[in-house]
C-alpha atoms as a PDB file:
ATOM      1  CA  MET A   1       0.000   0.000   0.000  1.00  0.00           C
ATOM      2  CA  ARG A   2       1.333   3.419  -0.977  1.00  0.00           C
ATOM      3  CA  LEU A   3      -0.036   6.782   0.074  1.00  0.00           C
ATOM      4  CA  ALA A   4       1.352  10.233  -0.720  1.00  0.00           C
ATOM      5  CA  VAL A   5      -0.296  13.255   0.910  1.00  0.00           C
ATOM      6  CA  ALA A   6       0.132  16.829  -0.303  1.00  0.00           C
ATOM      7  CA  ALA A   7      -1.264  20.210   0.763  1.00  0.00           C
ATOM      8  CA  ARG A   8      -3.120  22.798  -1.273  1.00  0.00           C
ATOM      9  CA  GLN A   9      -4.650  26.006   0.072  1.00  0.00           C
ATOM     10  CA  GLY A  10      -4.300  24.804   3.661  1.00  0.00           C
ATOM     11  CA  ARG A  11      -5.984  21.438   3.073  1.00  0.00           C
ATOM     12  CA  SER A  12      -4.257  18.069   2.831  1.00  0.00           C
ATOM     13  CA  TYR A  13      -5.290  15.405   0.329  1.00  0.00           C
ATOM     14  CA  ALA A  14      -4.045  12.189  -1.285  1.00  0.00           C
ATOM     15  CA  ALA A  15      -1.860  13.138  -4.234  1.00  0.00           C
ATOM     16  CA  ARG A  16      -1.182   9.459  -4.993  1.00  0.00           C
ATOM     17  CA  GLN A  17      -2.461   6.189  -3.622  1.00  0.00           C
ATOM     18  CA  PHE A  18      -2.037   2.564  -4.647  1.00  0.00           C
ATOM     19  CA  HIS A  19      -2.830  -0.828  -3.179  1.00  0.00           C
ATOM     20  CA  GLU A  20      -2.258  -4.392  -4.222  1.00  0.00           C
ATOM     21  CA  GLY A  21      -3.163  -7.461  -2.216  1.00  0.00           C
ATOM     22  CA  ALA A  22      -4.923  -7.326   1.129  1.00  0.00           C
ATOM     23  CA  LEU A  23      -4.559  -3.742   2.367  1.00  0.00           C
ATOM     24  CA  ARG A  24      -6.992  -0.970   1.405  1.00  0.00           C
ATOM     25  CA  ILE A  25      -7.499   2.700   2.271  1.00  0.00           C
ATOM     26  CA  LEU A  26     -10.924   4.069   3.163  1.00  0.00           C
ATOM     27  CA  ARG A  27     -12.086   7.429   1.865  1.00  0.00           C
ATOM     28  CA  PRO A  28     -10.598  10.500   3.585  1.00  0.00           C
ATOM     29  CA  HIS A  29     -12.119  12.222   6.596  1.00  0.00           C
ATOM     30  CA  TYR A  30     -11.615  15.787   7.778  1.00  0.00           C
ATOM     31  CA  LEU A  31     -12.356  15.642  11.480  1.00  0.00           C
ATOM     32  CA  ASP A  32     -11.818  19.327  12.284  1.00  0.00           C
ATOM     33  CA  ARG A  33     -11.127  22.612  10.517  1.00  0.00           C
ATOM     34  CA  SER A  34      -7.342  22.318  10.624  1.00  0.00           C
ATOM     35  CA  GLY A  35      -7.103  20.893   7.093  1.00  0.00           C
ATOM     36  CA  GLN A  36      -5.546  17.663   8.377  1.00  0.00           C
ATOM     37  CA  VAL A  37      -6.672  14.596   6.437  1.00  0.00           C
ATOM     38  CA  THR A  38      -7.401  11.283   8.168  1.00  0.00           C
ATOM     39  CA  TYR A  39      -7.024   8.001   6.314  1.00  0.00           C
ATOM     40  CA  THR A  40      -7.991   4.566   7.622  1.00  0.00           C
ATOM     41  CA  VAL A  41      -6.162   1.400   6.591  1.00  0.00           C
ATOM     42  CA  VAL A  42      -8.268  -1.762   6.400  1.00  0.00           C
ATOM     43  CA  ASN A  43      -7.422  -5.420   5.898  1.00  0.00           C
ATOM     44  CA  PRO A  44     -10.450  -7.223   4.395  1.00  0.00           C
ATOM     45  CA  GLY A  45      -8.716 -10.533   5.095  1.00  0.00           C
ATOM     46  CA  GLY A  46      -9.236  -9.910   8.793  1.00  0.00           C
ATOM     47  CA  ALA A  47      -5.802 -10.950  10.078  1.00  0.00           C
ATOM     48  CA  TYR A  48      -2.122 -11.538   9.386  1.00  0.00           C
ATOM     49  CA  LEU A  49      -1.257 -15.195   8.793  1.00  0.00           C
ATOM     50  CA  GLY A  50       1.904 -17.271   8.461  1.00  0.00           C
ATOM     51  CA  ALA A  51       4.535 -15.873   6.049  1.00  0.00           C
ATOM     52  CA  ASP A  52       2.315 -12.896   5.144  1.00  0.00           C
ATOM     53  CA  ARG A  53       4.280  -9.770   4.308  1.00  0.00           C
ATOM     54  CA  TYR A  54       2.736  -6.321   4.237  1.00  0.00           C
ATOM     55  CA  LEU A  55       4.504  -3.304   2.756  1.00  0.00           C
ATOM     56  CA  ILE A  56       3.311   0.199   3.601  1.00  0.00           C
ATOM     57  CA  ASP A  57       4.828   3.322   2.060  1.00  0.00           C
ATOM     58  CA  VAL A  58       3.723   6.740   3.313  1.00  0.00           C
ATOM     59  CA  GLU A  59       4.925  10.135   2.122  1.00  0.00           C
ATOM     60  CA  VAL A  60       3.704  13.404   3.630  1.00  0.00           C
ATOM     61  CA  GLY A  61       4.727  16.372   1.511  1.00  0.00           C
ATOM     62  CA  ARG A  62       5.552  19.964   2.339  1.00  0.00           C
ATOM     63  CA  ASP A  63       3.168  21.480   4.936  1.00  0.00           C
ATOM     64  CA  ALA A  64       0.744  18.540   4.640  1.00  0.00           C
ATOM     65  CA  SER A  65      -0.798  16.897   7.713  1.00  0.00           C
ATOM     66  CA  LEU A  66      -1.903  13.268   7.961  1.00  0.00           C
ATOM     67  CA  ALA A  67      -3.551  11.247  10.715  1.00  0.00           C
ATOM     68  CA  LEU A  68      -3.230   7.562   9.836  1.00  0.00           C
ATOM     69  CA  THR A  69      -5.179   4.895  11.692  1.00  0.00           C
ATOM     70  CA  THR A  70      -6.630   1.406  11.243  1.00  0.00           C
ATOM     71  CA  GLN A  71     -10.225   0.271  11.065  1.00  0.00           C
ATOM     72  CA  SER A  72      -9.788  -2.197  13.916  1.00  0.00           C
ATOM     73  CA  ALA A  73      -7.163  -4.164  15.804  1.00  0.00           C
ATOM     74  CA  THR A  74      -4.406  -5.851  13.806  1.00  0.00           C
ATOM     75  CA  LYS A  75      -4.636  -9.576  14.577  1.00  0.00           C
ATOM     76  CA  VAL A  76      -1.829 -12.078  14.087  1.00  0.00           C
ATOM     77  CA  TYR A  77      -3.014 -15.700  14.156  1.00  0.00           C
ATOM     78  CA  ARG A  78      -0.932 -18.882  14.163  1.00  0.00           C
ATOM     79  CA  THR A  79       2.017 -18.671  11.795  1.00  0.00           C
ATOM     80  CA  PRO A  80       3.327 -22.222  11.183  1.00  0.00           C
ATOM     81  CA  GLN A  81       4.621 -21.180   7.730  1.00  0.00           C
ATOM     82  CA  GLY A  82       6.863 -18.500   9.274  1.00  0.00           C
ATOM     83  CA  PRO A  83       6.464 -15.090  10.912  1.00  0.00           C
ATOM     84  CA  ALA A  84       4.031 -12.542   9.558  1.00  0.00           C
ATOM     85  CA  ALA A  85       5.818  -9.273   8.796  1.00  0.00           C
ATOM     86  CA  GLN A  86       5.003  -5.629   8.219  1.00  0.00           C
ATOM     87  CA  ASP A  87       7.499  -3.150   6.773  1.00  0.00           C
ATOM     88  CA  MET A  88       6.524   0.513   6.867  1.00  0.00           C
ATOM     89  CA  THR A  89       8.525   3.310   5.247  1.00  0.00           C
ATOM     90  CA  VAL A  90       7.710   6.949   6.006  1.00  0.00           C
ATOM     91  CA  ARG A  91       9.057  10.156   4.453  1.00  0.00           C
ATOM     92  CA  LEU A  92       8.166  13.578   5.865  1.00  0.00           C
ATOM     93  CA  GLY A  93       8.807  16.774   3.940  1.00  0.00           C
ATOM     94  CA  PRO A  94       9.366  20.300   5.302  1.00  0.00           C
ATOM     95  CA  GLY A  95       6.620  21.308   7.715  1.00  0.00           C
ATOM     96  CA  ALA A  96       4.867  17.932   7.339  1.00  0.00           C
ATOM     97  CA  VAL A  97       2.906  16.291  10.163  1.00  0.00           C
ATOM     98  CA  LEU A  98       2.239  12.585  10.675  1.00  0.00           C
ATOM     99  CA  GLU A  99       0.225  11.134  13.537  1.00  0.00           C
ATOM    100  CA  HIS A 100       0.151   7.339  13.277  1.00  0.00           C
ATOM    101  CA  LEU A 101      -2.505   6.087  15.700  1.00  0.00           C
ATOM    102  CA  PRO A 102      -3.424   2.482  14.870  1.00  0.00           C
ATOM    103  CA  ASP A 103      -5.668   0.291  16.986  1.00  0.00           C
ATOM    104  CA  GLN A 104      -3.958  -2.348  19.098  1.00  0.00           C
ATOM    105  CA  LEU A 105      -1.871  -5.233  17.788  1.00  0.00           C
ATOM    106  CA  ILE A 106      -3.079  -8.623  19.064  1.00  0.00           C
ATOM    107  CA  VAL A 107      -0.825 -11.674  18.698  1.00  0.00           C
ATOM    108  CA  TYR A 108      -2.587 -15.000  19.268  1.00  0.00           C
ATOM    109  CA  ARG A 109      -1.413 -18.434  20.349  1.00  0.00           C
ATOM    110  CA  GLY A 110       1.298 -19.818  18.069  1.00  0.00           C
ATOM    111  CA  GLY A 111       1.759 -16.487  16.321  1.00  0.00           C
ATOM    112  CA  SER A 112       5.037 -14.836  15.386  1.00  0.00           C
ATOM    113  CA  TYR A 113       5.210 -11.250  14.147  1.00  0.00           C
ATOM    114  CA  ARG A 114       7.958  -8.896  12.996  1.00  0.00           C
ATOM    115  CA  GLN A 115       7.435  -5.212  12.363  1.00  0.00           C
ATOM    116  CA  ARG A 116       9.955  -2.747  10.954  1.00  0.00           C
ATOM    117  CA  THR A 117       9.256   0.973  10.652  1.00  0.00           C
ATOM    118  CA  SER A 118      11.718   3.334   8.967  1.00  0.00           C
ATOM    119  CA  VAL A 119      11.187   7.106   9.011  1.00  0.00           C
ATOM    120  CA  GLU A 120      13.136   9.855   7.293  1.00  0.00           C
ATOM    121  CA  MET A 121      11.962  13.311   8.312  1.00  0.00           C
ATOM    122  CA  ASP A 122      12.840  16.890   7.495  1.00  0.00           C
ATOM    123  CA  PRO A 123      14.136  18.870  10.504  1.00  0.00           C
ATOM    124  CA  THR A 124      10.980  21.035  10.365  1.00  0.00           C
ATOM    125  CA  SER A 125       8.493  18.143  10.264  1.00  0.00           C
ATOM    126  CA  SER A 126       6.610  16.530  13.169  1.00  0.00           C
ATOM    127  CA  LEU A 127       6.180  12.843  13.974  1.00  0.00           C
ATOM    128  CA  LEU A 128       4.011  10.861  16.386  1.00  0.00           C
ATOM    129  CA  LEU A 129       4.028   7.042  16.278  1.00  0.00           C
ATOM    130  CA  ALA A 130       1.836   5.047  18.676  1.00  0.00           C
ATOM    131  CA  GLU A 131       1.551   1.308  19.310  1.00  0.00           C
ATOM    132  CA  VAL A 132      -0.315  -0.877  21.809  1.00  0.00           C
ATOM    133  CA  VAL A 133       0.384  -4.620  22.009  1.00  0.00           C
ATOM    134  CA  THR A 134      -1.829  -7.175  23.735  1.00  0.00           C
ATOM    135  CA  PRO A 135      -1.729 -10.976  23.877  1.00  0.00           C
ATOM    136  CA  GLY A 136      -4.604 -12.752  22.181  1.00  0.00           C
ATOM    137  CA  TRP A 137      -7.090 -15.166  23.713  1.00  0.00           C
ATOM    138  CA  SER A 138      -5.884 -18.695  24.347  1.00  0.00           C
ATOM    139  CA  PRO A 139      -8.191 -21.713  24.907  1.00  0.00           C
ATOM    140  CA  ARG A 140      -6.133 -22.801  27.907  1.00  0.00           C
ATOM    141  CA  GLY A 141      -6.100 -19.337  29.416  1.00  0.00           C
ATOM    142  CA  GLU A 142      -2.357 -18.650  29.168  1.00  0.00           C
ATOM    143  CA  ALA A 143      -1.474 -14.991  29.551  1.00  0.00           C
ATOM    144  CA  PHE A 144       1.105 -15.146  26.725  1.00  0.00           C
ATOM    145  CA  ALA A 145       0.786 -17.963  24.224  1.00  0.00           C
ATOM    146  CA  TYR A 146       2.360 -16.428  21.129  1.00  0.00           C
ATOM    147  CA  ASP A 147       5.817 -17.451  19.960  1.00  0.00           C
ATOM    148  CA  GLU A 148       7.604 -14.189  19.277  1.00  0.00           C
ATOM    149  CA  LEU A 149       7.125 -10.474  18.769  1.00  0.00           C
ATOM    150  CA  ARG A 150       9.770  -8.194  17.285  1.00  0.00           C
ATOM    151  CA  MET A 151       9.296  -4.500  16.571  1.00  0.00           C
ATOM    152  CA  ARG A 152      11.972  -2.094  15.350  1.00  0.00           C
ATOM    153  CA  THR A 153      11.530   1.614  14.632  1.00  0.00           C
ATOM    154  CA  GLU A 154      14.290   3.819  13.259  1.00  0.00           C
ATOM    155  CA  VAL A 155      13.979   7.561  12.716  1.00  0.00           C
ATOM    156  CA  ARG A 156      16.458   9.563  10.661  1.00  0.00           C
ATOM    157  CA  VAL A 157      16.580  13.310  10.110  1.00  0.00           C
ATOM    158  CA  SER A 158      17.655  14.678   6.741  1.00  0.00           C
ATOM    159  CA  ASP A 159      20.738  16.878   6.990  1.00  0.00           C
ATOM    160  CA  PRO A 160      20.868  19.329   4.059  1.00  0.00           C
ATOM    161  CA  SER A 161      24.291  20.525   5.163  1.00  0.00           C
ATOM    162  CA  GLY A 162      25.783  17.029   5.243  1.00  0.00           C
ATOM    163  CA  PRO A 163      27.679  15.343   2.423  1.00  0.00           C
ATOM    164  CA  GLY A 164      25.252  14.144  -0.207  1.00  0.00           C
ATOM    165  CA  SER A 165      22.357  15.465   1.905  1.00  0.00           C
ATOM    166  CA  ARG A 166      22.611  12.347   4.045  1.00  0.00           C
ATOM    167  CA  ALA A 167      20.181  11.578   6.858  1.00  0.00           C
ATOM    168  CA  ARG A 168      21.346  11.386  10.469  1.00  0.00           C
ATOM    169  CA  ARG A 169      20.019   8.739  12.832  1.00  0.00           C
ATOM    170  CA  LEU A 170      17.877  10.225  15.595  1.00  0.00           C
ATOM    171  CA  VAL A 171      16.618   7.148  17.433  1.00  0.00           C
ATOM    172  CA  VAL A 172      16.246   3.378  17.207  1.00  0.00           C
ATOM    173  CA  ASP A 173      13.536   1.778  19.346  1.00  0.00           C
ATOM    174  CA  GLN A 174      13.349  -2.001  19.621  1.00  0.00           C
ATOM    175  CA  LEU A 175      11.022  -4.406  21.378  1.00  0.00           C
ATOM    176  CA  ARG A 176      11.534  -8.175  21.464  1.00  0.00           C
ATOM    177  CA  ILE A 177       9.320 -10.562  23.424  1.00  0.00           C
ATOM    178  CA  ARG A 178       9.724 -14.354  23.364  1.00  0.00           C
ATOM    179  CA  PRO A 179       7.435 -15.698  26.106  1.00  0.00           C
ATOM    180  CA  GLY A 180       8.853 -19.212  25.833  1.00  0.00           C
ATOM    181  CA  GLU A 181      12.167 -17.993  27.240  1.00  0.00           C
ATOM    182  CA  HIS A 182      10.531 -17.210  30.608  1.00  0.00           C
ATOM    183  CA  ASP A 183       9.170 -19.702  33.105  1.00  0.00           C
ATOM    184  CA  ASP A 184       6.786 -17.125  34.551  1.00  0.00           C
ATOM    185  CA  VAL A 185       5.789 -15.166  31.467  1.00  0.00           C
ATOM    186  CA  ALA A 186       3.601 -12.691  33.353  1.00  0.00           C
ATOM    187  CA  GLY A 187       6.086 -12.127  36.128  1.00  0.00           C
ATOM    188  CA  LEU A 188       9.299 -10.325  36.918  1.00  0.00           C
ATOM    189  CA  GLY A 189      11.609  -9.782  33.964  1.00  0.00           C
ATOM    190  CA  LEU A 190       9.035  -9.844  31.181  1.00  0.00           C
ATOM    191  CA  MET A 191       5.966  -7.672  31.805  1.00  0.00           C
ATOM    192  CA  GLU A 192       6.186  -7.102  35.580  1.00  0.00           C
ATOM    193  CA  GLY A 193       2.828  -8.843  35.973  1.00  0.00           C
ATOM    194  CA  HIS A 194       1.062  -6.767  33.298  1.00  0.00           C
ATOM    195  CA  SER A 195      -0.555  -7.996  30.096  1.00  0.00           C
ATOM    196  CA  HIS A 196      -0.296  -4.984  27.741  1.00  0.00           C
ATOM    197  CA  THR A 197       2.582  -2.845  26.547  1.00  0.00           C
ATOM    198  CA  GLY A 198       2.644   0.380  24.583  1.00  0.00           C
ATOM    199  CA  GLN A 199       5.145   2.589  22.823  1.00  0.00           C
ATOM    200  CA  LEU A 200       4.796   6.253  21.885  1.00  0.00           C
ATOM    201  CA  LEU A 201       7.552   7.950  19.907  1.00  0.00           C
ATOM    202  CA  LEU A 202       7.634  11.701  19.264  1.00  0.00           C
ATOM    203  CA  ALA A 203      10.103  13.626  17.112  1.00  0.00           C
ATOM    204  CA  ASP A 204       9.989  17.404  16.684  1.00  0.00           C
ATOM    205  CA  ARG A 205      12.354  20.313  17.165  1.00  0.00           C
ATOM    206  CA  ARG A 206       9.830  21.972  19.546  1.00  0.00           C
ATOM    207  CA  LEU A 207      10.139  19.287  22.241  1.00  0.00           C
ATOM    208  CA  ASP A 208      11.809  21.668  24.690  1.00  0.00           C
ATOM    209  CA  ASP A 209      12.380  21.304  28.434  1.00  0.00           C
ATOM    210  CA  GLU A 210       9.070  22.941  29.390  1.00  0.00           C
ATOM    211  CA  LEU A 211       7.072  20.619  27.157  1.00  0.00           C
ATOM    212  CA  TYR A 212       9.043  17.617  28.372  1.00  0.00           C
ATOM    213  CA  ARG A 213       8.032  18.420  31.957  1.00  0.00           C
ATOM    214  CA  GLU A 214       4.396  18.608  30.835  1.00  0.00           C
ATOM    215  CA  LEU A 215       4.691  15.192  29.193  1.00  0.00           C
ATOM    216  CA  VAL A 216       6.294  13.750  32.334  1.00  0.00           C
ATOM    217  CA  ALA A 217       3.304  15.006  34.332  1.00  0.00           C
ATOM    218  CA  LEU A 218       0.895  13.294  31.912  1.00  0.00           C
ATOM    219  CA  VAL A 219       2.841  10.043  32.220  1.00  0.00           C
ATOM    220  CA  ASP A 220       2.874  10.228  36.016  1.00  0.00           C
ATOM    221  CA  ALA A 221      -0.878  10.916  36.141  1.00  0.00           C
ATOM    222  CA  SER A 222      -1.787   8.036  33.817  1.00  0.00           C
ATOM    223  CA  ALA A 223      -3.195   4.682  34.941  1.00  0.00           C
ATOM    224  CA  THR A 224      -0.129   2.938  33.519  1.00  0.00           C
ATOM    225  CA  ARG A 225       3.339   1.974  34.613  1.00  0.00           C
ATOM    226  CA  SER A 226       5.371   4.063  32.183  1.00  0.00           C
ATOM    227  CA  GLY A 227       8.831   5.435  31.604  1.00  0.00           C
ATOM    228  CA  ILE A 228       9.771   8.453  29.515  1.00  0.00           C
ATOM    229  CA  THR A 229      13.133   9.238  27.938  1.00  0.00           C
ATOM    230  CA  ARG A 230      14.458  11.774  25.438  1.00  0.00           C
ATOM    231  CA  ALA A 231      17.266  12.232  22.967  1.00  0.00           C
ATOM    232  CA  GLY A 232      18.186  14.546  20.123  1.00  0.00           C
ATOM    233  CA  ILE A 233      20.707  15.742  17.564  1.00  0.00           C
ATOM    234  CA  PRO A 234      20.883  19.522  18.144  1.00  0.00           C
ATOM    235  CA  ASP A 235      23.251  20.125  15.229  1.00  0.00           C
ATOM    236  CA  VAL A 236      20.630  18.927  12.701  1.00  0.00           C
ATOM    237  CA  GLY A 237      17.808  21.423  12.993  1.00  0.00           C
ATOM    238  CA  GLY A 238      17.558  20.924  16.759  1.00  0.00           C
ATOM    239  CA  VAL A 239      15.289  17.885  16.326  1.00  0.00           C
ATOM    240  CA  ARG A 240      14.488  16.132  19.588  1.00  0.00           C
ATOM    241  CA  CYS A 241      12.862  12.811  20.381  1.00  0.00           C
ATOM    242  CA  VAL A 242      10.751  11.615  23.292  1.00  0.00           C
ATOM    243  CA  CYS A 243       9.926   7.931  23.844  1.00  0.00           C
ATOM    244  CA  ILE A 244       7.277   6.661  26.253  1.00  0.00           C
ATOM    245  CA  ARG A 245       7.095   2.951  27.102  1.00  0.00           C
ATOM    246  CA  SER A 246       4.087   1.713  29.055  1.00  0.00           C
ATOM    247  CA  LEU A 247       2.804  -1.366  30.858  1.00  0.00           C
ATOM    248  CA  ALA A 248      -0.847  -1.817  31.835  1.00  0.00           C
ATOM    249  CA  ASP A 249      -3.659  -4.340  32.139  1.00  0.00           C
ATOM    250  CA  SER A 250      -5.864  -2.963  29.368  1.00  0.00           C
ATOM    251  CA  THR A 251      -5.590  -1.393  25.948  1.00  0.00           C
ATOM    252  CA  GLU A 252      -7.677   1.609  26.984  1.00  0.00           C
ATOM    253  CA  ARG A 253      -5.308   2.692  29.766  1.00  0.00           C
ATOM    254  CA  ILE A 254      -2.374   2.940  27.377  1.00  0.00           C
ATOM    255  CA  ALA A 255      -4.488   4.432  24.586  1.00  0.00           C
ATOM    256  CA  ALA A 256      -5.749   7.091  27.012  1.00  0.00           C
ATOM    257  CA  LEU A 257      -2.174   8.134  27.766  1.00  0.00           C
ATOM    258  CA  HIS A 258      -1.360   8.268  24.052  1.00  0.00           C
ATOM    259  CA  ARG A 259      -4.412  10.439  23.390  1.00  0.00           C
ATOM    260  CA  ALA A 260      -3.543  12.772  26.257  1.00  0.00           C
ATOM    261  CA  VAL A 261      -0.062  13.310  24.858  1.00  0.00           C
ATOM    262  CA  ALA A 262      -1.313  13.760  21.290  1.00  0.00           C
ATOM    263  CA  ASP A 263      -3.967  16.231  22.456  1.00  0.00           C
ATOM    264  CA  ALA A 264      -1.426  18.288  24.400  1.00  0.00           C
ATOM    265  CA  LEU A 265       0.846  18.560  21.356  1.00  0.00           C
ATOM    266  CA  ARG A 266      -2.036  19.403  19.026  1.00  0.00           C
ATOM    267  CA  ARG A 267      -3.208  22.245  21.272  1.00  0.00           C
ATOM    268  CA  ARG A 268       0.237  23.683  21.808  1.00  0.00           C
ATOM    269  CA  TRP A 269       1.636  23.425  18.299  1.00  0.00           C
ATOM    270  CA  ARG A 270      -1.318  23.757  15.973  1.00  0.00           C
ATOM    271  CA  GLY A 271      -4.269  24.976  18.025  1.00  0.00           C
ATOM    272  CA  GLN A 272      -5.989  21.781  16.936  1.00  0.00           C
ATOM    273  CA  ALA A 273      -8.778  19.876  18.654  1.00  0.00           C
ATOM    274  CA  GLY A 274      -8.042  16.593  20.401  1.00  0.00           C
ATOM    275  CA  VAL A 275      -7.921  13.194  18.714  1.00  0.00           C
ATOM    276  CA  ARG A 276     -11.430  11.966  17.977  1.00  0.00           C
ATOM    277  CA  LEU A 277     -11.134   9.254  15.352  1.00  0.00           C
ATOM    278  CA  ARG A 278     -14.434   8.198  13.747  1.00  0.00           C
ATOM    279  CA  LYS A 279     -14.748   4.423  13.456  1.00  0.00           C
ATOM    280  CA  TYR A 280     -18.471   3.902  13.108  1.00  0.00           C
END
């Protein structure tokens, strides 16, 4: 699936879109008066199966704004033929905005899933990537019955002053869970007794110390067990990164934290209303 979003007269729209195979894109929605376009990715097949491979390519052009979500949870069923995989490539132009807010990822008994996300962003663009992971139902009631989960996200910032306009690495975030390696899969050393995990990655040059303290307060007030860290490459447009990793016992608790953070950034940076995705 390929999607390229451009802006014209303050309104974002799909300049190009293409799909082949299982993935589709629903018609665009404009959920407020900001001009941001919202697209929903659907999988009519209903789930990812063994050896499936999904390729997603997203480009957000100059001054365009995209909220990208999914119609429902992404489900990974048993994968005896080999891991299901999703590779997502993102390119953000000057002044571009991407908020990727998919529903939760559910990995079921006997499932194995690998996800790789690669982002190259302009120093003036803005990125928000969210993810919530939950174990699927098991007939014997095991808390974690899937085989393996691997997720890797890499964000690079284009450096116009560098040789050959190369991109500089901003952050690499990795998650690897193999429940079979732990005797007590819900206990100490894996999920600290929790069933759900979430990741929220932010990259923007406006993530200053004052805003970081505000985000810390949101994390501390949430009904999750979360940690927040930050990094940056000041010599390339001053772009900074904040990562929030969460543990909880429900999808909604982590999703509520993600929405609170997204809403705070929307208000501060763009005077935009909070996230209210229409899925009905």
